[in-house]
C-alpha atoms as a PDB file:
ATOM      1  CA  UNK A   1      50.839  77.447  74.586  1.00  0.00           C
ATOM      2  CA  UNK A   2      49.401  73.974  75.903  1.00  0.00           C
ATOM      3  CA  UNK A   3      48.180  73.576  79.217  1.00  0.00           C
ATOM      4  CA  UNK A   4      47.171  70.367  78.369  1.00  0.00           C
ATOM      5  CA  UNK A   5      48.408  67.957  75.570  1.00  0.00           C
ATOM      6  CA  UNK A   6      47.938  64.558  75.337  1.00  0.00           C
ATOM      7  CA  UNK A   7      47.607  61.724  73.217  1.00  0.00           C
ATOM      8  CA  UNK A   8      44.865  59.037  74.056  1.00  0.00           C
ATOM      9  CA  UNK A   9      44.159  56.236  72.069  1.00  0.00           C
ATOM     10  CA  UNK A  10      43.856  57.329  68.886  1.00  0.00           C
ATOM     11  CA  UNK A  11      42.945  60.975  69.391  1.00  0.00           C
ATOM     12  CA  UNK A  12      45.081  64.217  70.882  1.00  0.00           C
ATOM     13  CA  UNK A  13      43.374  66.296  73.366  1.00  0.00           C
ATOM     14  CA  UNK A  14      44.708  69.930  74.326  1.00  0.00           C
ATOM     15  CA  UNK A  15      44.104  72.780  76.156  1.00  0.00           C
ATOM     16  CA  UNK A  16      45.973  76.522  75.279  1.00  0.00           C
ATOM     17  CA  UNK A  17      47.551  78.295  77.222  1.00  0.00           C
ATOM     18  CA  UNK A  18      47.742  82.273  77.094  1.00  0.00           C
ATOM     19  CA  UNK A  19      52.000  82.232  75.559  1.00  0.00           C
ATOM     20  CA  UNK A  20      53.105  81.180  72.505  1.00  0.00           C
ATOM     21  CA  UNK A  21      51.680  84.019  69.981  1.00  0.00           C
ATOM     22  CA  UNK A  22      51.225  87.394  68.912  1.00  0.00           C
ATOM     23  CA  UNK A  23      48.864  89.274  70.918  1.00  0.00           C
ATOM     24  CA  UNK A  24      49.660  92.726  72.788  1.00  0.00           C
ATOM     25  CA  UNK A  25      48.181  93.604  76.345  1.00  0.00           C
ATOM     26  CA  UNK A  26      46.587  93.529  77.683  1.00  0.00           C
ATOM     27  CA  UNK A  27      45.434  90.134  76.137  1.00  0.00           C
ATOM     28  CA  UNK A  28      49.024  88.910  75.426  1.00  0.00           C
ATOM     29  CA  UNK A  29      49.989  86.622  74.084  1.00  0.00           C
ATOM     30  CA  UNK A  30      47.976  83.361  72.365  1.00  0.00           C
ATOM     31  CA  UNK A  31      44.144  85.704  72.471  1.00  0.00           C
ATOM     32  CA  UNK A  32      42.043  83.492  70.622  1.00  0.00           C
ATOM     33  CA  UNK A  33      38.837  85.127  70.466  1.00  0.00           C
ATOM     34  CA  UNK A  34      36.903  87.323  72.289  1.00  0.00           C
ATOM     35  CA  UNK A  35      36.396  91.257  71.171  1.00  0.00           C
ATOM     36  CA  UNK A  36      38.817  94.245  71.279  1.00  0.00           C
ATOM     37  CA  UNK A  37      41.979  92.303  69.807  1.00  0.00           C
ATOM     38  CA  UNK A  38      43.144  92.957  65.893  1.00  0.00           C
ATOM     39  CA  UNK A  39      41.174  89.825  63.944  1.00  0.00           C
ATOM     40  CA  UNK A  40      44.640  89.363  62.637  1.00  0.00           C
ATOM     41  CA  UNK A  41      46.593  88.848  65.439  1.00  0.00           C
ATOM     42  CA  UNK A  42      43.988  86.200  66.324  1.00  0.00           C
ATOM     43  CA  UNK A  43      44.349  84.400  62.996  1.00  0.00           C
ATOM     44  CA  UNK A  44      48.104  84.632  63.756  1.00  0.00           C
ATOM     45  CA  UNK A  45      47.526  82.629  66.414  1.00  0.00           C
ATOM     46  CA  UNK A  46      45.325  79.905  65.330  1.00  0.00           C
ATOM     47  CA  UNK A  47      47.609  79.664  62.276  1.00  0.00           C
ATOM     48  CA  UNK A  48      50.392  79.283  65.216  1.00  0.00           C
ATOM     49  CA  UNK A  49      47.883  76.691  66.993  1.00  0.00           C
ATOM     50  CA  UNK A  50      47.150  74.730  63.614  1.00  0.00           C
ATOM     51  CA  UNK A  51      50.714  74.304  63.095  1.00  0.00           C
ATOM     52  CA  UNK A  52      51.020  72.896  66.384  1.00  0.00           C
ATOM     53  CA  UNK A  53      48.747  70.126  65.354  1.00  0.00           C
ATOM     54  CA  UNK A  54      49.892  70.167  61.405  1.00  0.00           C
ATOM     55  CA  UNK A  55      46.858  71.250  59.703  1.00  0.00           C
ATOM     56  CA  UNK A  56      46.068  74.265  57.568  1.00  0.00           C
ATOM     57  CA  UNK A  57      44.552  77.235  59.945  1.00  0.00           C
ATOM     58  CA  UNK A  58      40.728  76.476  58.253  1.00  0.00           C
ATOM     59  CA  UNK A  59      40.979  72.859  58.758  1.00  0.00           C
ATOM     60  CA  UNK A  60      40.697  73.951  63.230  1.00  0.00           C
ATOM     61  CA  UNK A  61      36.999  74.092  62.579  1.00  0.00           C
ATOM     62  CA  UNK A  62      35.057  76.423  65.507  1.00  0.00           C
ATOM     63  CA  UNK A  63      31.358  77.466  65.882  1.00  0.00           C
ATOM     64  CA  UNK A  64      30.162  80.769  66.979  1.00  0.00           C
ATOM     65  CA  UNK A  65      28.690  79.923  70.509  1.00  0.00           C
ATOM     66  CA  UNK A  66      26.053  81.152  72.657  1.00  0.00           C
ATOM     67  CA  UNK A  67      25.941  79.053  75.597  1.00  0.00           C
ATOM     68  CA  UNK A  68      23.108  76.901  73.770  1.00  0.00           C
ATOM     69  CA  UNK A  69      23.165  73.107  73.649  1.00  0.00           C
ATOM     70  CA  UNK A  70      23.045  72.944  69.774  1.00  0.00           C
ATOM     71  CA  UNK A  71      25.753  70.813  67.871  1.00  0.00           C
ATOM     72  CA  UNK A  72      27.705  71.336  64.860  1.00  0.00           C
ATOM     73  CA  UNK A  73      28.343  68.265  62.724  1.00  0.00           C
ATOM     74  CA  UNK A  74      31.332  68.411  60.579  1.00  0.00           C
ATOM     75  CA  UNK A  75      30.490  65.926  57.705  1.00  0.00           C
ATOM     76  CA  UNK A  76      32.846  64.624  54.746  1.00  0.00           C
ATOM     77  CA  UNK A  77      33.356  66.995  51.946  1.00  0.00           C
ATOM     78  CA  UNK A  78      32.199  69.882  53.581  1.00  0.00           C
ATOM     79  CA  UNK A  79      33.963  72.877  52.301  1.00  0.00           C
ATOM     80  CA  UNK A  80      35.865  74.519  55.314  1.00  0.00           C
ATOM     81  CA  UNK A  81      35.890  77.080  57.019  1.00  0.00           C
ATOM     82  CA  UNK A  82      32.007  77.201  56.812  1.00  0.00           C
ATOM     83  CA  UNK A  83      30.898  80.474  55.785  1.00  0.00           C
ATOM     84  CA  UNK A  84      28.892  81.768  57.569  1.00  0.00           C
ATOM     85  CA  UNK A  85      30.630  80.265  60.948  1.00  0.00           C
ATOM     86  CA  UNK A  86      27.608  77.837  61.907  1.00  0.00           C
ATOM     87  CA  UNK A  87      26.071  78.849  65.468  1.00  0.00           C
ATOM     88  CA  UNK A  88      26.277  76.136  68.108  1.00  0.00           C
ATOM     89  CA  UNK A  89      28.343  75.577  71.560  1.00  0.00           C
ATOM     90  CA  UNK A  90      29.473  72.313  70.287  1.00  0.00           C
ATOM     91  CA  UNK A  91      31.057  70.391  67.614  1.00  0.00           C
ATOM     92  CA  UNK A  92      31.289  66.701  66.245  1.00  0.00           C
ATOM     93  CA  UNK A  93      33.074  64.747  63.348  1.00  0.00           C
ATOM     94  CA  UNK A  94      34.209  61.691  62.251  1.00  0.00           C
ATOM     95  CA  UNK A  95      37.237  63.097  60.154  1.00  0.00           C
ATOM     96  CA  UNK A  96      41.045  63.294  60.999  1.00  0.00           C
ATOM     97  CA  UNK A  97      41.720  65.590  59.122  1.00  0.00           C
ATOM     98  CA  UNK A  98      40.320  68.777  61.006  1.00  0.00           C
ATOM     99  CA  UNK A  99      40.723  70.254  64.660  1.00  0.00           C
ATOM    100  CA  UNK A 100      37.801  70.255  66.548  1.00  0.00           C
ATOM    101  CA  UNK A 101      37.659  74.063  68.665  1.00  0.00           C
ATOM    102  CA  UNK A 102      35.550  75.428  71.406  1.00  0.00           C
ATOM    103  CA  UNK A 103      36.523  78.744  73.167  1.00  0.00           C
ATOM    104  CA  UNK A 104      36.627  79.326  76.818  1.00  0.00           C
ATOM    105  CA  UNK A 105      37.901  82.126  79.641  1.00  0.00           C
ATOM    106  CA  UNK A 106      36.491  80.490  82.230  1.00  0.00           C
ATOM    107  CA  UNK A 107      33.644  78.269  80.609  1.00  0.00           C
ATOM    108  CA  UNK A 108      34.445  74.420  80.497  1.00  0.00           C
ATOM    109  CA  UNK A 109      35.671  72.585  77.999  1.00  0.00           C
ATOM    110  CA  UNK A 110      34.595  69.280  77.607  1.00  0.00           C
ATOM    111  CA  UNK A 111      36.784  67.355  74.269  1.00  0.00           C
ATOM    112  CA  UNK A 112      35.389  63.306  73.765  1.00  0.00           C
ATOM    113  CA  UNK A 113      36.332  60.356  71.722  1.00  0.00           C
ATOM    114  CA  UNK A 114      35.618  57.334  70.702  1.00  0.00           C
ATOM    115  CA  UNK A 115      39.055  55.933  69.356  1.00  0.00           C
ATOM    116  CA  UNK A 116      37.816  52.973  68.564  1.00  0.00           C
ATOM    117  CA  UNK A 117      34.533  53.720  66.390  1.00  0.00           C
ATOM    118  CA  UNK A 118      36.748  57.191  65.571  1.00  0.00           C
ATOM    119  CA  UNK A 119      34.258  59.994  66.533  1.00  0.00           C
ATOM    120  CA  UNK A 120      35.151  63.226  68.436  1.00  0.00           C
ATOM    121  CA  UNK A 121      33.710  65.619  69.698  1.00  0.00           C
ATOM    122  CA  UNK A 122      33.999  69.281  71.273  1.00  0.00           C
ATOM    123  CA  UNK A 123      31.542  70.761  73.800  1.00  0.00           C
ATOM    124  CA  UNK A 124      31.445  74.481  75.337  1.00  0.00           C
ATOM    125  CA  UNK A 125      29.407  73.856  78.572  1.00  0.00           C
ATOM    126  CA  UNK A 126      29.374  77.094  80.420  1.00  0.00           C
ATOM    127  CA  UNK A 127      26.649  77.453  83.829  1.00  0.00           C
ATOM    128  CA  UNK A 128      24.267  77.677  80.887  1.00  0.00           C
ATOM    129  CA  UNK A 129      25.258  75.290  78.663  1.00  0.00           C
ATOM    130  CA  UNK A 130      25.217  72.613  81.156  1.00  0.00           C
ATOM    131  CA  UNK A 131      21.851  73.642  82.374  1.00  0.00           C
ATOM    132  CA  UNK A 132      20.844  73.184  78.709  1.00  0.00           C
ATOM    133  CA  UNK A 133      22.019  70.191  78.425  1.00  0.00           C
ATOM    134  CA  UNK A 134      25.172  70.681  76.030  1.00  0.00           C
ATOM    135  CA  UNK A 135      27.333  67.745  77.231  1.00  0.00           C
ATOM    136  CA  UNK A 136      24.895  65.267  76.992  1.00  0.00           C
ATOM    137  CA  UNK A 137      23.636  66.439  73.117  1.00  0.00           C
ATOM    138  CA  UNK A 138      27.606  65.971  72.257  1.00  0.00           C
ATOM    139  CA  UNK A 139      27.329  62.889  73.581  1.00  0.00           C
ATOM    140  CA  UNK A 140      24.094  61.776  71.573  1.00  0.00           C
ATOM    141  CA  UNK A 141      25.179  63.345  68.546  1.00  0.00           C
ATOM    142  CA  UNK A 142      28.917  61.374  68.371  1.00  0.00           C
ATOM    143  CA  UNK A 143      26.182  58.453  68.808  1.00  0.00           C
ATOM    144  CA  UNK A 144      24.772  58.790  65.957  1.00  0.00           C
ATOM    145  CA  UNK A 145      27.591  59.025  64.069  1.00  0.00           C
ATOM    146  CA  UNK A 146      28.682  55.258  65.313  1.00  0.00           C
ATOM    147  CA  UNK A 147      30.217  55.839  68.990  1.00  0.00           C
ATOM    148  CA  UNK A 148      29.970  53.913  71.543  1.00  0.00           C
ATOM    149  CA  UNK A 149      32.543  53.785  74.540  1.00  0.00           C
ATOM    150  CA  UNK A 150      33.683  57.507  74.653  1.00  0.00           C
ATOM    151  CA  UNK A 151      36.467  58.901  77.153  1.00  0.00           C
ATOM    152  CA  UNK A 152      36.313  63.160  77.870  1.00  0.00           C
ATOM    153  CA  UNK A 153      38.489  65.522  78.620  1.00  0.00           C
ATOM    154  CA  UNK A 154      37.156  68.454  80.850  1.00  0.00           C
ATOM    155  CA  UNK A 155      39.806  71.250  80.957  1.00  0.00           C
ATOM    156  CA  UNK A 156      40.182  74.340  82.787  1.00  0.00           C
ATOM    157  CA  UNK A 157      37.325  75.923  84.178  1.00  0.00           C
ATOM    158  CA  UNK A 158      36.408  78.227  87.106  1.00  0.00           C
ATOM    159  CA  UNK A 159      36.179  75.939  89.499  1.00  0.00           C
ATOM    160  CA  UNK A 160      33.596  75.460  91.798  1.00  0.00           C
ATOM    161  CA  UNK A 161      35.591  77.306  94.508  1.00  0.00           C
ATOM    162  CA  UNK A 162      35.799  80.661  93.150  1.00  0.00           C
ATOM    163  CA  UNK A 163      32.437  80.830  90.947  1.00  0.00           C
ATOM    164  CA  UNK A 164      30.109  83.053  93.056  1.00  0.00           C
ATOM    165  CA  UNK A 165      26.682  83.117  91.724  1.00  0.00           C
ATOM    166  CA  UNK A 166      23.480  84.244  93.727  1.00  0.00           C
ATOM    167  CA  UNK A 167      21.765  81.974  95.828  1.00  0.00           C
ATOM    168  CA  UNK A 168      18.882  82.104  93.350  1.00  0.00           C
ATOM    169  CA  UNK A 169      21.052  80.970  90.526  1.00  0.00           C
ATOM    170  CA  UNK A 170      22.930  78.119  92.448  1.00  0.00           C
ATOM    171  CA  UNK A 171      19.010  76.461  93.677  1.00  0.00           C
ATOM    172  CA  UNK A 172      17.915  77.012  90.020  1.00  0.00           C
ATOM    173  CA  UNK A 173      20.477  74.987  88.607  1.00  0.00           C
ATOM    174  CA  UNK A 174      21.311  72.783  91.595  1.00  0.00           C
ATOM    175  CA  UNK A 175      17.232  71.495  91.063  1.00  0.00           C
ATOM    176  CA  UNK A 176      18.178  69.935  87.047  1.00  0.00           C
ATOM    177  CA  UNK A 177      22.174  69.199  87.963  1.00  0.00           C
ATOM    178  CA  UNK A 178      21.683  68.035  91.811  1.00  0.00           C
ATOM    179  CA  UNK A 179      26.033  67.706  91.799  1.00  0.00           C
ATOM    180  CA  UNK A 180      26.576  71.217  90.836  1.00  0.00           C
ATOM    181  CA  UNK A 181      25.797  72.660  94.359  1.00  0.00           C
ATOM    182  CA  UNK A 182      28.637  74.512  95.603  1.00  0.00           C
ATOM    183  CA  UNK A 183      29.798  76.882  97.814  1.00  0.00           C
ATOM    184  CA  UNK A 184      33.385  78.981  97.206  1.00  0.00           C
ATOM    185  CA  UNK A 185      35.923  78.955  99.667  1.00  0.00           C
ATOM    186  CA  UNK A 186      34.925  82.400 101.705  1.00  0.00           C
ATOM    187  CA  UNK A 187      31.290  80.790 102.247  1.00  0.00           C
ATOM    188  CA  UNK A 188      29.004  82.175  99.631  1.00  0.00           C
ATOM    189  CA  UNK A 189      26.650  79.932  96.780  1.00  0.00           C
ATOM    190  CA  UNK A 190      28.551  78.749  94.265  1.00  0.00           C
ATOM    191  CA  UNK A 191      28.226  76.439  90.973  1.00  0.00           C
ATOM    192  CA  UNK A 192      30.652  73.630  89.786  1.00  0.00           C
ATOM    193  CA  UNK A 193      30.121  73.201  86.399  1.00  0.00           C
ATOM    194  CA  UNK A 194      32.745  70.112  86.186  1.00  0.00           C
ATOM    195  CA  UNK A 195      31.038  68.544  88.920  1.00  0.00           C
ATOM    196  CA  UNK A 196      28.026  68.620  87.286  1.00  0.00           C
ATOM    197  CA  UNK A 197      29.235  68.046  83.495  1.00  0.00           C
ATOM    198  CA  UNK A 198      30.669  64.663  85.643  1.00  0.00           C
ATOM    199  CA  UNK A 199      27.457  63.267  86.900  1.00  0.00           C
ATOM    200  CA  UNK A 200      25.980  64.117  83.260  1.00  0.00           C
ATOM    201  CA  UNK A 201      28.602  61.775  81.433  1.00  0.00           C
ATOM    202  CA  UNK A 202      28.371  59.269  84.360  1.00  0.00           C
ATOM    203  CA  UNK A 203      24.695  59.274  83.346  1.00  0.00           C
ATOM    204  CA  UNK A 204      25.747  58.404  79.589  1.00  0.00           C
ATOM    205  CA  UNK A 205      28.057  55.741  80.695  1.00  0.00           C
ATOM    206  CA  UNK A 206      31.349  58.176  79.507  1.00  0.00           C
ATOM    207  CA  UNK A 207      34.915  57.799  81.316  1.00  0.00           C
ATOM    208  CA  UNK A 208      35.959  60.953  82.414  1.00  0.00           C
ATOM    209  CA  UNK A 209      39.807  62.244  82.413  1.00  0.00           C
ATOM    210  CA  UNK A 210      39.936  65.272  84.739  1.00  0.00           C
ATOM    211  CA  UNK A 211      42.570  67.648  83.364  1.00  0.00           C
ATOM    212  CA  UNK A 212      40.781  70.659  85.054  1.00  0.00           C
ATOM    213  CA  UNK A 213      42.452  73.302  86.577  1.00  0.00           C
ATOM    214  CA  UNK A 214      40.924  76.945  88.431  1.00  0.00           C
ATOM    215  CA  UNK A 215      40.929  79.688  85.561  1.00  0.00           C
ATOM    216  CA  UNK A 216      40.051  82.733  87.725  1.00  0.00           C
ATOM    217  CA  UNK A 217      43.139  81.427  90.282  1.00  0.00           C
ATOM    218  CA  UNK A 218      46.023  80.728  87.635  1.00  0.00           C
ATOM    219  CA  UNK A 219      47.664  83.996  85.890  1.00  0.00           C
ATOM    220  CA  UNK A 220      48.427  81.214  82.668  1.00  0.00           C
ATOM    221  CA  UNK A 221      45.263  80.930  81.512  1.00  0.00           C
ATOM    222  CA  UNK A 222      42.285  83.602  80.155  1.00  0.00           C
ATOM    223  CA  UNK A 223      39.167  84.132  82.778  1.00  0.00           C
ATOM    224  CA  UNK A 224      36.790  86.808  81.884  1.00  0.00           C
ATOM    225  CA  UNK A 225      36.024  86.971  86.079  1.00  0.00           C
ATOM    226  CA  UNK A 226      39.079  87.908  86.543  1.00  0.00           C
ATOM    227  CA  UNK A 227      40.153  90.055  83.932  1.00  0.00           C
ATOM    228  CA  UNK A 228      36.664  91.688  82.387  1.00  0.00           C
ATOM    229  CA  UNK A 229      36.109  92.756  79.145  1.00  0.00           C
ATOM    230  CA  UNK A 230      39.850  92.842  78.479  1.00  0.00           C
ATOM    231  CA  UNK A 231      40.618  88.682  78.654  1.00  0.00           C
ATOM    232  CA  UNK A 232      41.501  86.518  75.579  1.00  0.00           C
ATOM    233  CA  UNK A 233      40.014  83.764  75.020  1.00  0.00           C
ATOM    234  CA  UNK A 234      41.663  79.556  75.562  1.00  0.00           C
ATOM    235  CA  UNK A 235      40.861  76.746  73.671  1.00  0.00           C
ATOM    236  CA  UNK A 236      39.824  73.237  73.958  1.00  0.00           C
ATOM    237  CA  UNK A 237      40.732  70.761  70.886  1.00  0.00           C
ATOM    238  CA  UNK A 238      41.017  67.150  70.090  1.00  0.00           C
ATOM    239  CA  UNK A 239      41.920  65.774  66.243  1.00  0.00           C
ATOM    240  CA  UNK A 240      41.778  62.533  65.617  1.00  0.00           C
ATOM    241  CA  UNK A 241      44.896  60.411  64.693  1.00  0.00           C
ATOM    242  CA  UNK A 242      45.035  59.693  60.335  1.00  0.00           C
ATOM    243  CA  UNK A 243      44.897  56.053  59.917  1.00  0.00           C
END
């Protein structure tokens, strides 16, 4: 169920793989989003993820992701699940009774926590989100809630040796985020989203734990670039321990 699952201080960080769910081919087994599969199967997959975290399914908070930089704040007393689902690409909270979830299938899930001040966040950062600054926006939102010393876990994504883009796009992105400039293993222009996000986090004084793997290269993970429209979605997840 999890390709990564670690507790660091008072926060649990995890990233799902594609095993342990009820999804059918070509989405099998633990599809947590995308289009084309029965929503009831996706709901059952989320129920299993919730069970693994010891919460009810409605406590796994997710947003409608649009490759932007908006951050949704889950506040004490908010009714879950939110209706309608908030449109955002990041979530932050001080609550310990919820799991924050962002979905991806080549984009970079970034999971963040200040365990001492008890603030957590999760961001969905693909190329557009990195360019827009969704991760810095998430850090800012966490600091507005009192966070000081933040640790970030970077999860699986399309790596800089595989994420081929047109040369003009690489130049435009690298002008704003120079560390993202990359080249594929076969010598064509590429973007390294994780390197770009690491540079953004370094500027903000955020410690980084690298739990990356390449979604394009691993059959254990969903990849839109490899599988196309029938790709499912994995999830990056973070939860505070109960006090």
